[in-house]
Protein backbone atom coordinates (compact mmCIF):
# COMPACT_ATOMS: atom_id res chain seq x y z
CA MET A 1 304.68 -33.97 143.23
CA PRO A 2 303.79 -31.35 140.49
CA THR A 3 300.39 -31.50 138.96
CA TYR A 4 299.97 -32.42 135.24
CA PRO A 5 299.46 -28.67 134.03
CA ASP A 6 302.77 -27.78 135.98
CA ARG A 7 304.44 -30.82 134.30
CA TYR A 8 303.25 -29.39 130.94
CA HIS A 9 304.53 -25.95 131.71
CA ILE A 10 307.87 -27.33 132.55
CA ILE A 11 307.99 -29.31 129.13
CA GLU A 12 306.85 -26.16 127.37
CA GLU A 13 309.83 -24.23 128.76
CA MET A 14 312.36 -26.93 127.94
CA LYS A 15 311.27 -28.24 124.72
CA ASP A 16 313.87 -25.94 122.86
CA ARG A 17 316.77 -27.84 124.46
CA TYR A 18 315.48 -31.37 124.77
CA PRO A 19 313.48 -33.63 122.75
CA ILE A 20 309.64 -33.77 123.85
CA THR A 21 309.64 -37.60 123.82
CA TRP A 22 312.38 -37.51 126.55
CA LEU A 23 310.79 -34.81 128.42
CA THR A 24 307.36 -36.44 128.60
CA GLU A 25 309.15 -39.64 129.69
CA MET A 26 311.00 -37.91 132.40
CA ALA A 27 307.82 -36.04 133.59
CA LYS A 28 305.90 -39.39 133.47
CA VAL A 29 303.13 -37.91 131.27
CA GLU A 30 301.80 -39.16 128.03
CA ARG A 31 302.99 -37.34 124.91
CA SER A 32 299.54 -37.18 123.49
CA GLY A 33 298.45 -35.59 126.82
CA TYR A 34 300.98 -32.80 126.33
CA TYR A 35 299.81 -32.35 122.71
CA LYS A 36 296.21 -32.25 123.78
CA TRP A 37 296.96 -29.63 126.56
CA LEU A 38 298.62 -27.50 123.81
CA LYS A 39 295.82 -27.83 121.42
CA ASN A 40 293.09 -26.75 124.03
CA GLY A 41 294.71 -23.66 124.91
CA LYS A 42 296.52 -24.97 127.94
CA VAL A 43 293.19 -25.04 129.97
CA SER A 44 291.15 -28.21 130.19
CA LEU A 45 287.72 -28.40 128.51
CA ARG A 46 286.17 -29.38 131.82
CA LYS A 47 287.56 -26.28 133.58
CA ARG A 48 286.41 -24.05 130.64
CA ASP A 49 282.87 -25.54 130.83
CA ASP A 50 282.83 -25.36 134.62
CA ALA A 51 283.83 -21.60 134.46
CA LEU A 52 280.88 -21.06 132.01
CA LEU A 53 278.42 -22.94 134.15
CA LYS A 54 279.68 -20.98 137.33
CA GLU A 55 278.88 -17.75 135.47
CA TYR A 56 275.32 -18.89 134.68
CA ILE A 57 274.83 -20.36 138.24
CA LEU A 58 275.86 -16.88 139.73
CA ASP A 59 273.42 -15.17 137.33
CA ILE A 60 270.55 -17.47 138.37
CA HIS A 61 271.41 -17.20 142.12
CA GLN A 62 271.22 -13.38 141.82
CA THR A 63 267.63 -13.47 140.79
CA HIS A 64 266.54 -16.65 142.61
CA LYS A 65 268.38 -16.91 145.85
CA MET A 66 266.00 -19.61 147.21
CA TYR A 67 267.19 -22.18 144.40
CA GLY A 68 269.02 -25.06 145.80
CA TYR A 69 270.88 -27.42 143.45
CA PRO A 70 267.81 -29.38 142.27
CA ARG A 71 265.86 -26.31 141.05
CA MET A 72 269.37 -24.79 139.88
CA LYS A 73 269.76 -27.78 137.63
CA ILE A 74 266.25 -27.37 136.18
CA ALA A 75 266.98 -23.69 135.50
CA LEU A 76 270.17 -24.60 133.78
CA ARG A 77 268.34 -27.06 131.77
CA ASP A 78 265.88 -24.34 130.67
CA LYS A 79 268.85 -22.35 129.47
CA GLY A 80 269.94 -25.21 127.34
CA PHE A 81 272.70 -26.89 129.52
CA LYS A 82 272.59 -30.74 129.95
CA VAL A 83 274.13 -31.02 133.47
CA ASN A 84 273.87 -33.62 136.33
CA HIS A 85 272.72 -32.59 139.75
CA LYS A 86 275.96 -33.73 141.22
CA LYS A 87 277.93 -31.28 139.08
CA VAL A 88 275.61 -28.42 140.01
CA TYR A 89 276.08 -29.29 143.62
CA ARG A 90 279.82 -29.39 143.30
CA LEU A 91 279.87 -26.03 141.60
CA MET A 92 277.59 -24.38 143.95
CA SER A 93 279.77 -25.67 146.76
CA ASP A 94 282.84 -24.22 145.03
CA LEU A 95 281.20 -20.87 144.69
CA GLY A 96 279.98 -20.95 148.28
CA ILE A 97 276.38 -20.62 147.15
CA GLN A 98 273.56 -21.93 149.43
CA SER A 99 269.95 -21.51 148.91
CA ILE A 100 267.92 -19.39 151.42
CA ILE A 101 265.63 -21.64 153.30
CA ARG A 102 262.03 -20.20 153.45
CA LYS A 103 259.73 -20.72 156.28
CA LYS A 104 257.26 -23.37 155.46
CA ARG A 105 253.57 -22.51 156.23
CA ARG A 106 250.68 -24.74 155.90
CA VAL A 107 247.76 -23.22 153.82
CA TRP A 108 244.17 -24.15 154.15
CA GLY A 109 242.07 -22.76 151.33
CA ASN A 110 243.14 -19.17 151.01
CA ARG A 111 244.16 -18.73 154.62
CA ILE A 112 247.61 -19.28 155.94
CA SER A 113 247.73 -20.98 159.42
CA ARG A 114 248.36 -18.71 162.33
CA VAL A 115 251.76 -19.20 164.07
CA PHE A 116 251.74 -17.97 167.73
CA ASP A 117 254.65 -16.57 169.72
CA ASN A 118 256.52 -19.08 171.86
CA VAL A 119 255.45 -17.85 175.31
CA LEU A 120 256.83 -20.71 177.30
CA GLU A 121 260.32 -20.88 175.64
CA ARG A 122 260.52 -24.42 176.97
CA LYS A 123 260.64 -23.37 180.60
CA PHE A 124 258.28 -26.13 181.83
CA LYS A 125 259.90 -27.01 185.08
CA GLU A 126 259.91 -23.45 186.64
CA ARG A 127 256.06 -23.16 186.60
CA THR A 128 253.47 -24.16 189.28
CA GLU A 129 250.96 -26.87 188.80
CA ASN A 130 248.20 -26.06 186.39
CA GLU A 131 249.62 -22.62 185.65
CA VAL A 132 249.99 -23.44 181.84
CA LEU A 133 247.88 -25.73 179.65
CA VAL A 134 249.27 -26.86 176.29
CA THR A 135 247.04 -28.44 173.68
CA ASP A 136 247.89 -29.79 170.23
CA ILE A 137 245.09 -30.34 167.63
CA THR A 138 245.82 -32.45 164.68
CA TYR A 139 243.39 -33.05 161.83
CA LEU A 140 243.27 -36.64 160.51
CA PRO A 141 241.81 -37.02 156.93
CA THR A 142 239.49 -39.94 156.25
CA LYS A 143 238.33 -41.79 153.11
CA LYS A 144 235.19 -39.36 153.12
CA TRP A 145 237.41 -36.35 153.09
CA ILE A 146 236.11 -35.14 156.44
CA SER A 147 238.55 -34.02 158.93
CA ILE A 148 238.21 -35.41 162.42
CA PRO A 149 239.83 -33.15 165.14
CA VAL A 150 241.92 -35.12 167.53
CA SER A 151 243.02 -33.30 170.62
CA CYS A 152 245.96 -34.25 172.90
CA SER A 153 246.43 -32.10 176.06
CA ARG A 154 249.18 -31.80 178.60
CA PHE A 155 249.06 -30.17 181.97
CA ILE A 156 252.04 -28.56 183.33
């Protein structure tokens, strides 16, 4: 089954030989839809708007690769576009654009927490007893804004 633009192209080619009323009836399209297609330059307004938005999305993505669709929507809003987050998600999917996920690090004051190398690499069973000791320290905030260290040890 041909799409509506394909049907409109066929009507455009045959309009000199047959009446448009008859052609639109045979193509099972509305006559007003055909005239609207003619008026809008044979490209739908939505596709034209989407093409413009895609250009802006690519431009923003070149400068801010870490932007996902929520932040991209905010950036487009700052440029003057009123656009829904679902539309931005759809257009970014069409373009094949994804945000670069940055590594999250906890920050205490001005210091970044230290991340140590994974020495065990989850090979727990191949070790002898008491060869490796693993500890996790978690700070629990209280009402007085004092952190209480809680320790949980595991002997392997």
